[in-house]
Amino acid sequence: MATTVTLSSKNQIVVPREAREKLNIGPGQELLVLTKDDRVVLIPRPNNFVKHMAGLHQDVWKKLGAASYLKDERDAWDQ
């Protein structure tokens, strides 16, 4: 979805209805504002960051073998 919005004289924008519906956000919802090079990214602020991040990139750790990685790191502390 690509929609054009206009920055108001108070430096405000309106999040288009289609985007609000897709993200299931409404009045009072906090958004995180991320800047990346030449763009701004708005994402809904999670209610609970711990729950939101739980399991993130678990497929990467399965391939690497997290238990083995941790053991190697801890063994290196003793050296």
Protein backbone atom coordinates (compact mmCIF):
# COMPACT_ATOMS: atom_id res chain seq x y z
CA MET A 1 0.00 0.00 0.00
CA ALA A 2 1.38 3.40 -0.95
CA THR A 3 -0.50 6.54 -0.01
CA THR A 4 0.55 10.17 -0.02
CA VAL A 5 0.00 12.29 3.09
CA THR A 6 0.71 15.98 3.61
CA LEU A 7 2.61 17.49 6.50
CA SER A 8 0.43 20.17 8.12
CA SER A 9 1.59 23.61 9.25
CA LYS A 10 1.92 22.03 12.73
CA ASN A 11 4.15 19.26 11.29
CA GLN A 12 1.41 16.65 11.71
CA ILE A 13 0.15 13.92 9.40
CA VAL A 14 -3.01 11.83 9.30
CA VAL A 15 -2.49 8.07 9.13
CA PRO A 16 -4.75 6.92 6.26
CA ARG A 17 -7.80 4.84 7.15
CA GLU A 18 -6.56 1.84 5.17
CA ALA A 19 -3.31 1.79 7.18
CA ARG A 20 -5.14 2.21 10.51
CA GLU A 21 -7.47 -0.66 9.67
CA LYS A 22 -4.66 -2.93 8.49
CA LEU A 23 -2.63 -2.25 11.68
CA ASN A 24 -5.73 -2.31 13.88
CA ILE A 25 -4.87 1.06 15.47
CA GLY A 26 -7.05 3.95 16.52
CA PRO A 27 -7.24 7.08 18.65
CA GLY A 28 -4.86 7.06 21.59
CA GLN A 29 -2.66 4.30 20.13
CA GLU A 30 1.04 5.07 20.51
CA LEU A 31 3.27 4.63 17.48
CA LEU A 32 7.03 4.23 17.42
CA VAL A 33 8.75 6.57 14.96
CA LEU A 34 11.89 5.13 13.39
CA THR A 35 14.10 7.04 10.98
CA LYS A 36 16.09 5.06 8.45
CA ASP A 37 18.30 7.02 6.07
CA ASP A 38 15.80 8.84 3.85
CA ARG A 39 12.58 7.47 5.32
CA VAL A 40 10.37 7.46 8.40
CA VAL A 41 8.73 4.25 9.59
CA LEU A 42 5.74 4.26 11.94
CA ILE A 43 4.90 1.06 13.82
CA PRO A 44 2.38 0.41 16.59
CA ARG A 45 4.04 0.48 20.01
CA PRO A 46 3.73 -2.99 21.56
CA ASN A 47 1.86 -3.13 24.87
CA ASN A 48 4.50 -5.51 26.21
CA PHE A 49 7.95 -5.46 24.62
CA VAL A 50 9.01 -8.74 26.26
CA LYS A 51 6.05 -10.64 24.81
CA HIS A 52 6.50 -8.87 21.48
CA MET A 53 10.17 -9.88 21.23
CA ALA A 54 9.73 -13.45 22.56
CA GLY A 55 10.83 -15.97 19.97
CA LEU A 56 12.21 -13.34 17.60
CA HIS A 57 14.63 -14.94 15.14
CA GLN A 58 14.24 -18.35 16.74
CA ASP A 59 14.89 -19.96 13.38
CA VAL A 60 18.37 -18.38 13.32
CA TRP A 61 19.22 -19.74 16.76
CA LYS A 62 17.98 -23.22 15.84
CA LYS A 63 20.38 -23.30 12.89
CA LEU A 64 23.28 -22.07 15.02
CA GLY A 65 22.47 -24.28 17.98
CA ALA A 66 21.97 -21.77 20.79
CA ALA A 67 22.90 -24.23 23.55
CA SER A 68 26.16 -25.10 21.80
CA TYR A 69 26.90 -21.42 21.15
CA LEU A 70 26.33 -20.51 24.81
CA LYS A 71 28.52 -23.40 25.99
CA ASP A 72 31.36 -22.29 23.70
CA GLU A 73 31.06 -18.70 24.92
CA ARG A 74 31.02 -19.72 28.58
CA ASP A 75 33.99 -22.03 28.08
CA ALA A 76 35.89 -19.10 26.56
CA TRP A 77 35.40 -17.11 29.79
CA ASP A 78 37.51 -19.64 31.68
CA GLN A 79 40.45 -19.25 29.33
